[in-house]
Amino acid sequence: MCRRKVRWIQAALLSTAALFIYIGMTRGEAVTVLTKAVNICLECIGIG
């Protein structure tokens, strides 16, 4: 593949990822993910 095409694909994927991260943050998904991660962590060490 030509270098220009690879750069375009990389830029498109990066901007799409940034868009999805922004959408998730505005919907409050970061708090949900953090809460689930804490619960899983506490279950693994036997507290939760």
PDB file of N, CA and C in Angstrom:
ATOM      1  N   MET A   1       0.842  -1.183   0.000  1.00  0.00           N
ATOM      2  CA  MET A   1       0.000   0.000   0.000  1.00  0.00           C
ATOM      3  C   MET A   1       0.878   1.235   0.000  1.00  0.00           C
ATOM      4  N   CYS A   2       0.363   2.242  -0.596  1.00  0.00           N
ATOM      5  CA  CYS A   2       1.144   3.467  -0.631  1.00  0.00           C
ATOM      6  C   CYS A   2       1.080   4.159   0.731  1.00  0.00           C
ATOM      7  N   ARG A   3       2.121   4.883   1.042  1.00  0.00           N
ATOM      8  CA  ARG A   3       2.268   5.509   2.357  1.00  0.00           C
ATOM      9  C   ARG A   3       1.146   6.509   2.628  1.00  0.00           C
ATOM     10  N   ARG A   4       0.693   7.203   1.612  1.00  0.00           N
ATOM     11  CA  ARG A   4      -0.381   8.195   1.778  1.00  0.00           C
ATOM     12  C   ARG A   4      -1.684   7.511   2.204  1.00  0.00           C
ATOM     13  N   LYS A   5      -1.959   6.365   1.601  1.00  0.00           N
ATOM     14  CA  LYS A   5      -3.180   5.637   1.936  1.00  0.00           C
ATOM     15  C   LYS A   5      -3.134   5.115   3.368  1.00  0.00           C
ATOM     16  N   VAL A   6      -1.967   4.627   3.789  1.00  0.00           N
ATOM     17  CA  VAL A   6      -1.811   4.134   5.152  1.00  0.00           C
ATOM     18  C   VAL A   6      -2.017   5.274   6.139  1.00  0.00           C
ATOM     19  N   ARG A   7      -1.444   6.431   5.872  1.00  0.00           N
ATOM     20  CA  ARG A   7      -1.615   7.589   6.759  1.00  0.00           C
ATOM     21  C   ARG A   7      -3.078   8.011   6.838  1.00  0.00           C
ATOM     22  N   TRP A   8      -3.785   7.954   5.718  1.00  0.00           N
ATOM     23  CA  TRP A   8      -5.196   8.335   5.709  1.00  0.00           C
ATOM     24  C   TRP A   8      -6.014   7.373   6.548  1.00  0.00           C
ATOM     25  N   ILE A   9      -5.721   6.083   6.423  1.00  0.00           N
ATOM     26  CA  ILE A   9      -6.439   5.070   7.209  1.00  0.00           C
ATOM     27  C   ILE A   9      -6.147   5.256   8.689  1.00  0.00           C
ATOM     28  N   GLN A  10      -4.905   5.514   9.048  1.00  0.00           N
ATOM     29  CA  GLN A  10      -4.548   5.743  10.446  1.00  0.00           C
ATOM     30  C   GLN A  10      -5.273   6.958  11.010  1.00  0.00           C
ATOM     31  N   ALA A  11      -5.319   8.033  10.237  1.00  0.00           N
ATOM     32  CA  ALA A  11      -6.000   9.252  10.688  1.00  0.00           C
ATOM     33  C   ALA A  11      -7.497   9.010  10.854  1.00  0.00           C
ATOM     34  N   ALA A  12      -8.080   8.249   9.936  1.00  0.00           N
ATOM     35  CA  ALA A  12      -9.508   7.959  10.024  1.00  0.00           C
ATOM     36  C   ALA A  12      -9.819   7.109  11.253  1.00  0.00           C
ATOM     37  N   LEU A  13      -9.001   6.107  11.522  1.00  0.00           N
ATOM     38  CA  LEU A  13      -9.217   5.258  12.691  1.00  0.00           C
ATOM     39  C   LEU A  13      -9.005   6.032  13.987  1.00  0.00           C
ATOM     40  N   LEU A  14      -8.010   6.887  14.026  1.00  0.00           N
ATOM     41  CA  LEU A  14      -7.750   7.685  15.218  1.00  0.00           C
ATOM     42  C   LEU A  14      -8.896   8.650  15.499  1.00  0.00           C
ATOM     43  N   SER A  15      -9.401   9.307  14.470  1.00  0.00           N
ATOM     44  CA  SER A  15     -10.507  10.241  14.678  1.00  0.00           C
ATOM     45  C   SER A  15     -11.791   9.508  15.056  1.00  0.00           C
ATOM     46  N   THR A  16     -12.008   8.320  14.506  1.00  0.00           N
ATOM     47  CA  THR A  16     -13.181   7.532  14.885  1.00  0.00           C
ATOM     48  C   THR A  16     -13.090   7.099  16.342  1.00  0.00           C
ATOM     49  N   ALA A  17     -11.911   6.669  16.772  1.00  0.00           N
ATOM     50  CA  ALA A  17     -11.718   6.263  18.165  1.00  0.00           C
ATOM     51  C   ALA A  17     -11.949   7.443  19.101  1.00  0.00           C
ATOM     52  N   ALA A  18     -11.416   8.613  18.744  1.00  0.00           N
ATOM     53  CA  ALA A  18     -11.601   9.806  19.570  1.00  0.00           C
ATOM     54  C   ALA A  18     -13.079  10.181  19.658  1.00  0.00           C
ATOM     55  N   LEU A  19     -13.807  10.044  18.557  1.00  0.00           N
ATOM     56  CA  LEU A  19     -15.237  10.339  18.550  1.00  0.00           C
ATOM     57  C   LEU A  19     -15.997   9.404  19.489  1.00  0.00           C
ATOM     58  N   PHE A  20     -15.680   8.110  19.434  1.00  0.00           N
ATOM     59  CA  PHE A  20     -16.368   7.152  20.300  1.00  0.00           C
ATOM     60  C   PHE A  20     -16.020   7.377  21.771  1.00  0.00           C
ATOM     61  N   ILE A  21     -14.787   7.744  22.054  1.00  0.00           N
ATOM     62  CA  ILE A  21     -14.411   8.054  23.435  1.00  0.00           C
ATOM     63  C   ILE A  21     -15.186   9.265  23.922  1.00  0.00           C
ATOM     64  N   TYR A  22     -15.297  10.285  23.094  1.00  0.00           N
ATOM     65  CA  TYR A  22     -16.045  11.489  23.465  1.00  0.00           C
ATOM     66  C   TYR A  22     -17.520  11.168  23.711  1.00  0.00           C
ATOM     67  N   ILE A  23     -18.116  10.374  22.838  1.00  0.00           N
ATOM     68  CA  ILE A  23     -19.522  10.005  23.003  1.00  0.00           C
ATOM     69  C   ILE A  23     -19.719   9.223  24.295  1.00  0.00           C
ATOM     70  N   GLY A  24     -18.823   8.294  24.580  1.00  0.00           N
ATOM     71  CA  GLY A  24     -18.919   7.522  25.804  1.00  0.00           C
ATOM     72  C   GLY A  24     -18.784   8.385  27.045  1.00  0.00           C
ATOM     73  N   MET A  25     -17.886   9.350  26.999  1.00  0.00           N
ATOM     74  CA  MET A  25     -17.701  10.231  28.156  1.00  0.00           C
ATOM     75  C   MET A  25     -18.924  11.116  28.381  1.00  0.00           C
ATOM     76  N   THR A  26     -19.537  11.604  27.329  1.00  0.00           N
ATOM     77  CA  THR A  26     -20.712  12.459  27.488  1.00  0.00           C
ATOM     78  C   THR A  26     -21.923  11.674  27.981  1.00  0.00           C
ATOM     79  N   ARG A  27     -21.957  10.372  27.719  1.00  0.00           N
ATOM     80  CA  ARG A  27     -23.067   9.537  28.194  1.00  0.00           C
ATOM     81  C   ARG A  27     -22.838   9.008  29.600  1.00  0.00           C
ATOM     82  N   GLY A  28     -21.666   9.271  30.180  1.00  0.00           N
ATOM     83  CA  GLY A  28     -21.383   8.810  31.525  1.00  0.00           C
ATOM     84  C   GLY A  28     -20.893   7.377  31.591  1.00  0.00           C
ATOM     85  N   GLU A  29     -20.415   6.854  30.497  1.00  0.00           N
ATOM     86  CA  GLU A  29     -19.971   5.461  30.452  1.00  0.00           C
ATOM     87  C   GLU A  29     -18.681   5.248  31.235  1.00  0.00           C
ATOM     88  N   ALA A  30     -17.874   6.278  31.400  1.00  0.00           N
ATOM     89  CA  ALA A  30     -16.616   6.122  32.133  1.00  0.00           C
ATOM     90  C   ALA A  30     -16.890   5.738  33.589  1.00  0.00           C
ATOM     91  N   VAL A  31     -17.907   6.333  34.175  1.00  0.00           N
ATOM     92  CA  VAL A  31     -18.271   6.019  35.556  1.00  0.00           C
ATOM     93  C   VAL A  31     -18.759   4.576  35.649  1.00  0.00           C
ATOM     94  N   THR A  32     -19.530   4.143  34.682  1.00  0.00           N
ATOM     95  CA  THR A  32     -20.041   2.775  34.671  1.00  0.00           C
ATOM     96  C   THR A  32     -18.899   1.771  34.570  1.00  0.00           C
ATOM     97  N   VAL A  33     -17.973   2.037  33.686  1.00  0.00           N
ATOM     98  CA  VAL A  33     -16.841   1.130  33.497  1.00  0.00           C
ATOM     99  C   VAL A  33     -15.988   1.090  34.760  1.00  0.00           C
ATOM    100  N   LEU A  34     -15.737   2.234  35.366  1.00  0.00           N
ATOM    101  CA  LEU A  34     -14.942   2.276  36.588  1.00  0.00           C
ATOM    102  C   LEU A  34     -15.636   1.511  37.716  1.00  0.00           C
ATOM    103  N   THR A  35     -16.936   1.682  37.861  1.00  0.00           N
ATOM    104  CA  THR A  35     -17.687   0.979  38.894  1.00  0.00           C
ATOM    105  C   THR A  35     -17.604  -0.535  38.701  1.00  0.00           C
ATOM    106  N   LYS A  36     -17.768  -0.990  37.472  1.00  0.00           N
ATOM    107  CA  LYS A  36     -17.685  -2.424  37.199  1.00  0.00           C
ATOM    108  C   LYS A  36     -16.278  -2.952  37.449  1.00  0.00           C
ATOM    109  N   ALA A  37     -15.262  -2.173  37.096  1.00  0.00           N
ATOM    110  CA  ALA A  37     -13.881  -2.602  37.324  1.00  0.00           C
ATOM    111  C   ALA A  37     -13.584  -2.720  38.812  1.00  0.00           C
ATOM    112  N   VAL A  38     -14.067  -1.786  39.598  1.00  0.00           N
ATOM    113  CA  VAL A  38     -13.861  -1.845  41.043  1.00  0.00           C
ATOM    114  C   VAL A  38     -14.549  -3.067  41.623  1.00  0.00           C
ATOM    115  N   ASN A  39     -15.770  -3.328  41.198  1.00  0.00           N
ATOM    116  CA  ASN A  39     -16.498  -4.498  41.699  1.00  0.00           C
ATOM    117  C   ASN A  39     -15.789  -5.795  41.347  1.00  0.00           C
ATOM    118  N   ILE A  40     -15.301  -5.909  40.132  1.00  0.00           N
ATOM    119  CA  ILE A  40     -14.570  -7.117  39.724  1.00  0.00           C
ATOM    120  C   ILE A  40     -13.292  -7.266  40.542  1.00  0.00           C
ATOM    121  N   CYS A  41     -12.588  -6.156  40.749  1.00  0.00           N
ATOM    122  CA  CYS A  41     -11.346  -6.192  41.531  1.00  0.00           C
ATOM    123  C   CYS A  41     -11.628  -6.641  42.969  1.00  0.00           C
ATOM    124  N   LEU A  42     -12.668  -6.109  43.564  1.00  0.00           N
ATOM    125  CA  LEU A  42     -13.000  -6.469  44.939  1.00  0.00           C
ATOM    126  C   LEU A  42     -13.426  -7.929  45.042  1.00  0.00           C
ATOM    127  N   GLU A  43     -14.111  -8.436  44.031  1.00  0.00           N
ATOM    128  CA  GLU A  43     -14.492  -9.850  44.033  1.00  0.00           C
ATOM    129  C   GLU A  43     -13.268 -10.751  43.901  1.00  0.00           C
ATOM    130  N   CYS A  44     -12.293 -10.319  43.127  1.00  0.00           N
ATOM    131  CA  CYS A  44     -11.090 -11.149  42.939  1.00  0.00           C
ATOM    132  C   CYS A  44     -10.288 -11.296  44.224  1.00  0.00           C
ATOM    133  N   ILE A  45     -10.244 -10.249  45.037  1.00  0.00           N
ATOM    134  CA  ILE A  45      -9.467 -10.348  46.279  1.00  0.00           C
ATOM    135  C   ILE A  45     -10.325 -10.816  47.437  1.00  0.00           C
ATOM    136  N   GLY A  46     -11.608 -11.070  47.189  1.00  0.00           N
ATOM    137  CA  GLY A  46     -12.464 -11.678  48.178  1.00  0.00           C
ATOM    138  C   GLY A  46     -13.153 -10.727  49.130  1.00  0.00           C
ATOM    139  N   ILE A  47     -13.215  -9.445  48.823  1.00  0.00           N
ATOM    140  CA  ILE A  47     -13.875  -8.494  49.714  1.00  0.00           C
ATOM    141  C   ILE A  47     -15.352  -8.321  49.323  1.00  0.00           C
ATOM    142  N   GLY A  48     -15.621  -8.263  48.015  1.00  0.00           N
ATOM    143  CA  GLY A  48     -16.958  -7.929  47.545  1.00  0.00           C
ATOM    144  C   GLY A  48     -17.892  -9.059  47.391  1.00  0.00           C
TER     145      GLY A  48
END
